[in-house]
Amino acid sequence: MTATMTALFGGTGPDWTPRQVPVHVQGPGQIVVRAHAVALNNADAVRLAAADGSVRPLIESTWSFDTAAPALARLRSHRAHGEIVLTVP
């Protein structure tokens, strides 16, 4: 009988589907590496938090499309303390 373990497949958090997968048995000259911890990338963490409304972006300023050059200068200055929004007509 082949040993199995439960692994999670799919998108993010609530979309994961548990499946039984075979556990690899090492052969001569091989090693088995198993991850016991995983990390959630920043984009997924923000998307999950925003979905329930617990986290909202901090909007520092809103600029019209005509003033894109100063908005970009503000962004490049590293002095913005939040998101810079550029509105397009």
PDB file of N, CA and C in Angstrom:
ATOM      1  N   MET A   1       0.847  -1.182   0.000  1.00  0.00           N
ATOM      2  CA  MET A   1       0.000   0.000   0.000  1.00  0.00           C
ATOM      3  C   MET A   1       0.892   1.245   0.000  1.00  0.00           C
ATOM      4  N   THR A   2       0.542   2.219  -0.843  1.00  0.00           N
ATOM      5  CA  THR A   2       1.296   3.453  -0.942  1.00  0.00           C
ATOM      6  C   THR A   2       0.803   4.436   0.107  1.00  0.00           C
ATOM      7  N   ALA A   3       1.749   5.077   0.807  1.00  0.00           N
ATOM      8  CA  ALA A   3       1.378   6.074   1.811  1.00  0.00           C
ATOM      9  C   ALA A   3       0.891   7.336   1.114  1.00  0.00           C
ATOM     10  N   THR A   4      -0.078   8.020   1.732  1.00  0.00           N
ATOM     11  CA  THR A   4      -0.593   9.270   1.169  1.00  0.00           C
ATOM     12  C   THR A   4      -0.600  10.345   2.243  1.00  0.00           C
ATOM     13  N   MET A   5      -0.717  11.577   1.785  1.00  0.00           N
ATOM     14  CA  MET A   5      -0.861  12.719   2.682  1.00  0.00           C
ATOM     15  C   MET A   5      -1.872  13.676   2.066  1.00  0.00           C
ATOM     16  N   THR A   6      -2.428  14.562   2.887  1.00  0.00           N
ATOM     17  CA  THR A   6      -3.387  15.543   2.388  1.00  0.00           C
ATOM     18  C   THR A   6      -2.638  16.787   1.945  1.00  0.00           C
ATOM     19  N   ALA A   7      -2.935  17.254   0.737  1.00  0.00           N
ATOM     20  CA  ALA A   7      -2.354  18.489   0.206  1.00  0.00           C
ATOM     21  C   ALA A   7      -3.499  19.394  -0.234  1.00  0.00           C
ATOM     22  N   LEU A   8      -3.261  20.695  -0.207  1.00  0.00           N
ATOM     23  CA  LEU A   8      -4.276  21.666  -0.607  1.00  0.00           C
ATOM     24  C   LEU A   8      -3.972  22.185  -2.000  1.00  0.00           C
ATOM     25  N   PHE A   9      -4.962  22.199  -2.862  1.00  0.00           N
ATOM     26  CA  PHE A   9      -4.819  22.661  -4.234  1.00  0.00           C
ATOM     27  C   PHE A   9      -5.816  23.765  -4.495  1.00  0.00           C
ATOM     28  N   GLY A  10      -5.491  24.631  -5.461  1.00  0.00           N
ATOM     29  CA  GLY A  10      -6.437  25.638  -5.891  1.00  0.00           C
ATOM     30  C   GLY A  10      -5.945  27.038  -5.657  1.00  0.00           C
ATOM     31  N   GLY A  11      -6.858  27.980  -5.746  1.00  0.00           N
ATOM     32  CA  GLY A  11      -6.554  29.407  -5.656  1.00  0.00           C
ATOM     33  C   GLY A  11      -6.056  29.837  -4.301  1.00  0.00           C
ATOM     34  N   THR A  12      -6.825  30.656  -3.615  1.00  0.00           N
ATOM     35  CA  THR A  12      -6.415  31.179  -2.320  1.00  0.00           C
ATOM     36  C   THR A  12      -7.420  30.765  -1.263  1.00  0.00           C
ATOM     37  N   GLY A  13      -6.926  30.626  -0.051  1.00  0.00           N
ATOM     38  CA  GLY A  13      -7.736  30.365   1.125  1.00  0.00           C
ATOM     39  C   GLY A  13      -9.004  29.574   0.924  1.00  0.00           C
ATOM     40  N   PRO A  14     -10.138  30.234   0.796  1.00  0.00           N
ATOM     41  CA  PRO A  14     -11.415  29.523   0.731  1.00  0.00           C
ATOM     42  C   PRO A  14     -11.566  28.628  -0.499  1.00  0.00           C
ATOM     43  N   ASP A  15     -10.758  28.853  -1.515  1.00  0.00           N
ATOM     44  CA  ASP A  15     -10.873  28.066  -2.743  1.00  0.00           C
ATOM     45  C   ASP A  15     -10.053  26.782  -2.714  1.00  0.00           C
ATOM     46  N   TRP A  16      -9.302  26.549  -1.642  1.00  0.00           N
ATOM     47  CA  TRP A  16      -8.457  25.359  -1.585  1.00  0.00           C
ATOM     48  C   TRP A  16      -9.297  24.099  -1.520  1.00  0.00           C
ATOM     49  N   THR A  17      -8.815  23.065  -2.202  1.00  0.00           N
ATOM     50  CA  THR A  17      -9.468  21.768  -2.193  1.00  0.00           C
ATOM     51  C   THR A  17      -8.484  20.736  -1.656  1.00  0.00           C
ATOM     52  N   PRO A  18      -8.823  20.053  -0.562  1.00  0.00           N
ATOM     53  CA  PRO A  18      -7.906  19.031  -0.059  1.00  0.00           C
ATOM     54  C   PRO A  18      -7.954  17.783  -0.935  1.00  0.00           C
ATOM     55  N   ARG A  19      -6.783  17.216  -1.205  1.00  0.00           N
ATOM     56  CA  ARG A  19      -6.683  15.967  -1.984  1.00  0.00           C
ATOM     57  C   ARG A  19      -5.639  15.065  -1.344  1.00  0.00           C
ATOM     58  N   GLN A  20      -5.844  13.791  -1.487  1.00  0.00           N
ATOM     59  CA  GLN A  20      -4.855  12.826  -1.043  1.00  0.00           C
ATOM     60  C   GLN A  20      -3.829  12.631  -2.160  1.00  0.00           C
ATOM     61  N   VAL A  21      -2.566  12.773  -1.829  1.00  0.00           N
ATOM     62  CA  VAL A  21      -1.491  12.594  -2.809  1.00  0.00           C
ATOM     63  C   VAL A  21      -0.504  11.569  -2.274  1.00  0.00           C
ATOM     64  N   PRO A  22       0.147  10.828  -3.160  1.00  0.00           N
ATOM     65  CA  PRO A  22       1.106   9.830  -2.688  1.00  0.00           C
ATOM     66  C   PRO A  22       2.337  10.490  -2.075  1.00  0.00           C
ATOM     67  N   VAL A  23       2.884   9.853  -1.069  1.00  0.00           N
ATOM     68  CA  VAL A  23       4.111  10.319  -0.432  1.00  0.00           C
ATOM     69  C   VAL A  23       5.273   9.611  -1.125  1.00  0.00           C
ATOM     70  N   HIS A  24       6.203  10.391  -1.618  1.00  0.00           N
ATOM     71  CA  HIS A  24       7.350   9.832  -2.336  1.00  0.00           C
ATOM     72  C   HIS A  24       8.298   9.138  -1.358  1.00  0.00           C
ATOM     73  N   VAL A  25       8.751   7.968  -1.739  1.00  0.00           N
ATOM     74  CA  VAL A  25       9.750   7.251  -0.958  1.00  0.00           C
ATOM     75  C   VAL A  25      11.076   7.418  -1.674  1.00  0.00           C
ATOM     76  N   GLN A  26      12.083   7.890  -0.954  1.00  0.00           N
ATOM     77  CA  GLN A  26      13.359   8.154  -1.605  1.00  0.00           C
ATOM     78  C   GLN A  26      14.057   6.871  -2.013  1.00  0.00           C
ATOM     79  N   GLY A  27      14.743   6.985  -3.126  1.00  0.00           N
ATOM     80  CA  GLY A  27      15.546   5.890  -3.634  1.00  0.00           C
ATOM     81  C   GLY A  27      17.017   6.183  -3.398  1.00  0.00           C
ATOM     82  N   PRO A  28      17.895   5.293  -3.867  1.00  0.00           N
ATOM     83  CA  PRO A  28      19.325   5.505  -3.685  1.00  0.00           C
ATOM     84  C   PRO A  28      19.774   6.821  -4.331  1.00  0.00           C
ATOM     85  N   GLY A  29      20.537   7.634  -3.597  1.00  0.00           N
ATOM     86  CA  GLY A  29      21.063   8.882  -4.126  1.00  0.00           C
ATOM     87  C   GLY A  29      20.050  10.012  -4.183  1.00  0.00           C
ATOM     88  N   GLN A  30      18.864   9.829  -3.603  1.00  0.00           N
ATOM     89  CA  GLN A  30      17.833  10.857  -3.612  1.00  0.00           C
ATOM     90  C   GLN A  30      17.570  11.336  -2.197  1.00  0.00           C
ATOM     91  N   ILE A  31      17.047  12.535  -2.105  1.00  0.00           N
ATOM     92  CA  ILE A  31      16.576  13.049  -0.820  1.00  0.00           C
ATOM     93  C   ILE A  31      15.144  13.539  -1.018  1.00  0.00           C
ATOM     94  N   VAL A  32      14.377  13.543   0.041  1.00  0.00           N
ATOM     95  CA  VAL A  32      13.007  14.043  -0.005  1.00  0.00           C
ATOM     96  C   VAL A  32      12.959  15.318   0.826  1.00  0.00           C
ATOM     97  N   VAL A  33      12.444  16.379   0.242  1.00  0.00           N
ATOM     98  CA  VAL A  33      12.302  17.653   0.932  1.00  0.00           C
ATOM     99  C   VAL A  33      10.817  17.909   1.111  1.00  0.00           C
ATOM    100  N   ARG A  34      10.398  18.121   2.346  1.00  0.00           N
ATOM    101  CA  ARG A  34       8.997  18.421   2.622  1.00  0.00           C
ATOM    102  C   ARG A  34       8.905  19.801   3.260  1.00  0.00           C
ATOM    103  N   ALA A  35       7.974  20.609   2.784  1.00  0.00           N
ATOM    104  CA  ALA A  35       7.751  21.934   3.371  1.00  0.00           C
ATOM    105  C   ALA A  35       6.737  21.794   4.492  1.00  0.00           C
ATOM    106  N   HIS A  36       7.085  22.316   5.650  1.00  0.00           N
ATOM    107  CA  HIS A  36       6.172  22.254   6.798  1.00  0.00           C
ATOM    108  C   HIS A  36       5.514  23.599   7.069  1.00  0.00           C
ATOM    109  N   ALA A  37       5.875  24.603   6.310  1.00  0.00           N
ATOM    110  CA  ALA A  37       5.283  25.931   6.465  1.00  0.00           C
ATOM    111  C   ALA A  37       5.163  26.556   5.085  1.00  0.00           C
ATOM    112  N   VAL A  38       4.177  27.378   4.920  1.00  0.00           N
ATOM    113  CA  VAL A  38       3.994  28.081   3.656  1.00  0.00           C
ATOM    114  C   VAL A  38       3.791  29.558   3.954  1.00  0.00           C
ATOM    115  N   ALA A  39       3.994  30.364   2.950  1.00  0.00           N
ATOM    116  CA  ALA A  39       3.788  31.806   3.106  1.00  0.00           C
ATOM    117  C   ALA A  39       2.723  32.264   2.123  1.00  0.00           C
ATOM    118  N   LEU A  40       2.058  33.304   2.484  1.00  0.00           N
ATOM    119  CA  LEU A  40       1.050  33.902   1.631  1.00  0.00           C
ATOM    120  C   LEU A  40       1.660  35.160   1.043  1.00  0.00           C
ATOM    121  N   ASN A  41       1.682  35.250  -0.282  1.00  0.00           N
ATOM    122  CA  ASN A  41       2.296  36.450  -0.867  1.00  0.00           C
ATOM    123  C   ASN A  41       1.418  37.673  -0.593  1.00  0.00           C
ATOM    124  N   ASN A  42       2.027  38.831  -0.702  1.00  0.00           N
ATOM    125  CA  ASN A  42       1.367  40.087  -0.359  1.00  0.00           C
ATOM    126  C   ASN A  42       0.061  40.299  -1.114  1.00  0.00           C
ATOM    127  N   ALA A  43       0.065  40.027  -2.404  1.00  0.00           N
ATOM    128  CA  ALA A  43      -1.144  40.255  -3.211  1.00  0.00           C
ATOM    129  C   ALA A  43      -2.297  39.390  -2.728  1.00  0.00           C
ATOM    130  N   ASP A  44      -2.028  38.116  -2.410  1.00  0.00           N
ATOM    131  CA  ASP A  44      -3.090  37.240  -1.920  1.00  0.00           C
ATOM    132  C   ASP A  44      -3.590  37.692  -0.548  1.00  0.00           C
ATOM    133  N   ALA A  45      -2.690  38.110   0.318  1.00  0.00           N
ATOM    134  CA  ALA A  45      -3.086  38.568   1.647  1.00  0.00           C
ATOM    135  C   ALA A  45      -3.996  39.791   1.552  1.00  0.00           C
ATOM    136  N   VAL A  46      -3.637  40.731   0.704  1.00  0.00           N
ATOM    137  CA  VAL A  46      -4.450  41.938   0.534  1.00  0.00           C
ATOM    138  C   VAL A  46      -5.806  41.583  -0.063  1.00  0.00           C
ATOM    139  N   ARG A  47      -5.823  40.705  -1.063  1.00  0.00           N
ATOM    140  CA  ARG A  47      -7.088  40.323  -1.693  1.00  0.00           C
ATOM    141  C   ARG A  47      -8.007  39.633  -0.687  1.00  0.00           C
ATOM    142  N   LEU A  48      -7.466  38.755   0.153  1.00  0.00           N
ATOM    143  CA  LEU A  48      -8.291  38.070   1.145  1.00  0.00           C
ATOM    144  C   LEU A  48      -8.816  39.047   2.192  1.00  0.00           C
ATOM    145  N   ALA A  49      -7.967  39.964   2.648  1.00  0.00           N
ATOM    146  CA  ALA A  49      -8.389  40.934   3.653  1.00  0.00           C
ATOM    147  C   ALA A  49      -9.402  41.923   3.083  1.00  0.00           C
ATOM    148  N   ALA A  50      -9.221  42.329   1.848  1.00  0.00           N
ATOM    149  CA  ALA A  50     -10.145  43.285   1.234  1.00  0.00           C
ATOM    150  C   ALA A  50     -11.497  42.646   0.966  1.00  0.00           C
ATOM    151  N   ALA A  51     -11.520  41.340   0.765  1.00  0.00           N
ATOM    152  CA  ALA A  51     -12.779  40.656   0.459  1.00  0.00           C
ATOM    153  C   ALA A  51     -13.776  40.781   1.611  1.00  0.00           C
ATOM    154  N   ASP A  52     -13.296  40.765   2.845  1.00  0.00           N
ATOM    155  CA  ASP A  52     -14.227  40.885   3.964  1.00  0.00           C
ATOM    156  C   ASP A  52     -14.319  42.308   4.509  1.00  0.00           C
ATOM    157  N   GLY A  53     -13.600  43.248   3.873  1.00  0.00           N
ATOM    158  CA  GLY A  53     -13.697  44.652   4.263  1.00  0.00           C
ATOM    159  C   GLY A  53     -12.865  45.038   5.471  1.00  0.00           C
ATOM    160  N   SER A  54     -12.043  44.118   5.987  1.00  0.00           N
ATOM    161  CA  SER A  54     -11.256  44.442   7.184  1.00  0.00           C
ATOM    162  C   SER A  54     -10.054  45.325   6.870  1.00  0.00           C
ATOM    163  N   VAL A  55      -9.635  45.357   5.610  1.00  0.00           N
ATOM    164  CA  VAL A  55      -8.503  46.195   5.217  1.00  0.00           C
ATOM    165  C   VAL A  55      -8.910  47.012   3.998  1.00  0.00           C
ATOM    166  N   ARG A  56      -8.652  48.307   4.061  1.00  0.00           N
ATOM    167  CA  ARG A  56      -8.929  49.184   2.924  1.00  0.00           C
ATOM    168  C   ARG A  56      -7.660  49.953   2.605  1.00  0.00           C
ATOM    169  N   PRO A  57      -7.426  50.276   1.342  1.00  0.00           N
ATOM    170  CA  PRO A  57      -6.216  51.025   0.998  1.00  0.00           C
ATOM    171  C   PRO A  57      -6.294  52.457   1.529  1.00  0.00           C
ATOM    172  N   LEU A  58      -5.150  52.990   1.898  1.00  0.00           N
ATOM    173  CA  LEU A  58      -5.051  54.375   2.331  1.00  0.00           C
ATOM    174  C   LEU A  58      -4.761  55.215   1.095  1.00  0.00           C
ATOM    175  N   ILE A  59      -5.693  56.059   0.724  1.00  0.00           N
ATOM    176  CA  ILE A  59      -5.525  56.911  -0.450  1.00  0.00           C
ATOM    177  C   ILE A  59      -4.991  58.254   0.004  1.00  0.00           C
ATOM    178  N   GLU A  60      -3.769  58.562  -0.425  1.00  0.00           N
ATOM    179  CA  GLU A  60      -3.147  59.822  -0.044  1.00  0.00           C
ATOM    180  C   GLU A  60      -3.694  60.976  -0.872  1.00  0.00           C
ATOM    181  N   SER A  61      -3.773  60.766  -2.179  1.00  0.00           N
ATOM    182  CA  SER A  61      -4.228  61.852  -3.047  1.00  0.00           C
ATOM    183  C   SER A  61      -4.817  61.301  -4.325  1.00  0.00           C
ATOM    184  N   THR A  62      -5.667  62.118  -4.931  1.00  0.00           N
ATOM    185  CA  THR A  62      -6.285  61.761  -6.207  1.00  0.00           C
ATOM    186  C   THR A  62      -5.928  62.837  -7.218  1.00  0.00           C
ATOM    187  N   TRP A  63      -5.477  62.415  -8.390  1.00  0.00           N
ATOM    188  CA  TRP A  63      -5.021  63.337  -9.427  1.00  0.00           C
ATOM    189  C   TRP A  63      -5.803  63.071 -10.705  1.00  0.00           C
ATOM    190  N   SER A  64      -6.088  64.132 -11.456  1.00  0.00           N
ATOM    191  CA  SER A  64      -6.738  63.952 -12.750  1.00  0.00           C
ATOM    192  C   SER A  64      -5.695  63.518 -13.769  1.00  0.00           C
ATOM    193  N   PHE A  65      -6.154  62.971 -14.867  1.00  0.00           N
ATOM    194  CA  PHE A  65      -5.244  62.496 -15.907  1.00  0.00           C
ATOM    195  C   PHE A  65      -4.373  63.633 -16.443  1.00  0.00           C
ATOM    196  N   ASP A  66      -4.915  64.844 -16.463  1.00  0.00           N
ATOM    197  CA  ASP A  66      -4.158  66.005 -16.960  1.00  0.00           C
ATOM    198  C   ASP A  66      -2.966  66.352 -16.065  1.00  0.00           C
ATOM    199  N   THR A  67      -3.023  65.924 -14.809  1.00  0.00           N
ATOM    200  CA  THR A  67      -1.928  66.237 -13.879  1.00  0.00           C
ATOM    201  C   THR A  67      -1.117  64.987 -13.545  1.00  0.00           C
ATOM    202  N   ALA A  68      -0.975  64.109 -14.517  1.00  0.00           N
ATOM    203  CA  ALA A  68      -0.242  62.857 -14.303  1.00  0.00           C
ATOM    204  C   ALA A  68       1.236  63.095 -14.010  1.00  0.00           C
ATOM    205  N   ALA A  69       1.843  64.108 -14.628  1.00  0.00           N
ATOM    206  CA  ALA A  69       3.275  64.362 -14.420  1.00  0.00           C
ATOM    207  C   ALA A  69       3.584  64.707 -12.962  1.00  0.00           C
ATOM    208  N   PRO A  70       2.870  65.654 -12.322  1.00  0.00           N
ATOM    209  CA  PRO A  70       3.149  65.909 -10.907  1.00  0.00           C
ATOM    210  C   PRO A  70       2.799  64.720 -10.013  1.00  0.00           C
ATOM    211  N   ALA A  71       1.790  63.954 -10.384  1.00  0.00           N
ATOM    212  CA  ALA A  71       1.440  62.762  -9.597  1.00  0.00           C
ATOM    213  C   ALA A  71       2.582  61.750  -9.636  1.00  0.00           C
ATOM    214  N   LEU A  72       3.152  61.559 -10.806  1.00  0.00           N
ATOM    215  CA  LEU A  72       4.289  60.648 -10.949  1.00  0.00           C
ATOM    216  C   LEU A  72       5.498  61.170 -10.176  1.00  0.00           C
ATOM    217  N   ALA A  73       5.713  62.477 -10.193  1.00  0.00           N
ATOM    218  CA  ALA A  73       6.815  63.074  -9.430  1.00  0.00           C
ATOM    219  C   ALA A  73       6.611  62.819  -7.931  1.00  0.00           C
ATOM    220  N   ARG A  74       5.367  62.940  -7.468  1.00  0.00           N
ATOM    221  CA  ARG A  74       5.056  62.676  -6.049  1.00  0.00           C
ATOM    222  C   ARG A  74       5.354  61.215  -5.716  1.00  0.00           C
ATOM    223  N   LEU A  75       4.972  60.322  -6.602  1.00  0.00           N
ATOM    224  CA  LEU A  75       5.227  58.900  -6.391  1.00  0.00           C
ATOM    225  C   LEU A  75       6.729  58.611  -6.342  1.00  0.00           C
ATOM    226  N   ARG A  76       7.465  59.191  -7.250  1.00  0.00           N
ATOM    227  CA  ARG A  76       8.919  58.958  -7.315  1.00  0.00           C
ATOM    228  C   ARG A  76       9.677  59.623  -6.169  1.00  0.00           C
ATOM    229  N   SER A  77       9.077  60.599  -5.507  1.00  0.00           N
ATOM    230  CA  SER A  77       9.750  61.295  -4.410  1.00  0.00           C
ATOM    231  C   SER A  77       9.828  60.428  -3.142  1.00  0.00           C
ATOM    232  N   HIS A  78       9.070  59.348  -3.121  1.00  0.00           N
ATOM    233  CA  HIS A  78       9.000  58.451  -1.954  1.00  0.00           C
ATOM    234  C   HIS A  78       8.455  59.159  -0.720  1.00  0.00           C
ATOM    235  N   ARG A  79       7.694  60.220  -0.930  1.00  0.00           N
ATOM    236  CA  ARG A  79       7.091  60.947   0.190  1.00  0.00           C
ATOM    237  C   ARG A  79       5.604  60.655   0.324  1.00  0.00           C
ATOM    238  N   ALA A  80       5.076  59.870  -0.573  1.00  0.00           N
ATOM    239  CA  ALA A  80       3.657  59.526  -0.506  1.00  0.00           C
ATOM    240  C   ALA A  80       3.452  58.528   0.636  1.00  0.00           C
ATOM    241  N   HIS A  81       2.452  58.789   1.459  1.00  0.00           N
ATOM    242  CA  HIS A  81       2.144  57.904   2.581  1.00  0.00           C
ATOM    243  C   HIS A  81       0.815  57.214   2.333  1.00  0.00           C
ATOM    244  N   GLY A  82       0.672  56.631   1.184  1.00  0.00           N
ATOM    245  CA  GLY A  82      -0.547  55.951   0.799  1.00  0.00           C
ATOM    246  C   GLY A  82      -0.581  55.818  -0.711  1.00  0.00           C
ATOM    247  N   GLU A  83      -1.732  55.422  -1.209  1.00  0.00           N
ATOM    248  CA  GLU A  83      -1.879  55.225  -2.651  1.00  0.00           C
ATOM    249  C   GLU A  83      -2.132  56.557  -3.347  1.00  0.00           C
ATOM    250  N   ILE A  84      -1.575  56.691  -4.529  1.00  0.00           N
ATOM    251  CA  ILE A  84      -1.831  57.852  -5.380  1.00  0.00           C
ATOM    252  C   ILE A  84      -2.748  57.366  -6.494  1.00  0.00           C
ATOM    253  N   VAL A  85      -3.920  57.982  -6.578  1.00  0.00           N
ATOM    254  CA  VAL A  85      -4.936  57.556  -7.543  1.00  0.00           C
ATOM    255  C   VAL A  85      -4.935  58.521  -8.718  1.00  0.00           C
ATOM    256  N   LEU A  86      -4.918  57.971  -9.908  1.00  0.00           N
ATOM    257  CA  LEU A  86      -4.979  58.768 -11.132  1.00  0.00           C
ATOM    258  C   LEU A  86      -6.321  58.473 -11.791  1.00  0.00           C
ATOM    259  N   THR A  87      -7.173  59.494 -11.921  1.00  0.00           N
ATOM    260  CA  THR A  87      -8.489  59.295 -12.522  1.00  0.00           C
ATOM    261  C   THR A  87      -8.412  59.535 -14.010  1.00  0.00           C
ATOM    262  N   VAL A  88      -9.069  58.674 -14.761  1.00  0.00           N
ATOM    263  CA  VAL A  88      -9.086  58.761 -16.217  1.00  0.00           C
ATOM    264  C   VAL A  88     -10.515  59.111 -16.636  1.00  0.00           C
ATOM    265  N   PRO A  89     -10.659  60.168 -17.468  1.00  0.00           N
ATOM    266  CA  PRO A  89     -12.012  60.582 -17.875  1.00  0.00           C
ATOM    267  C   PRO A  89     -12.697  59.534 -18.729  1.00  0.00           C
TER     268      PRO A  89
END
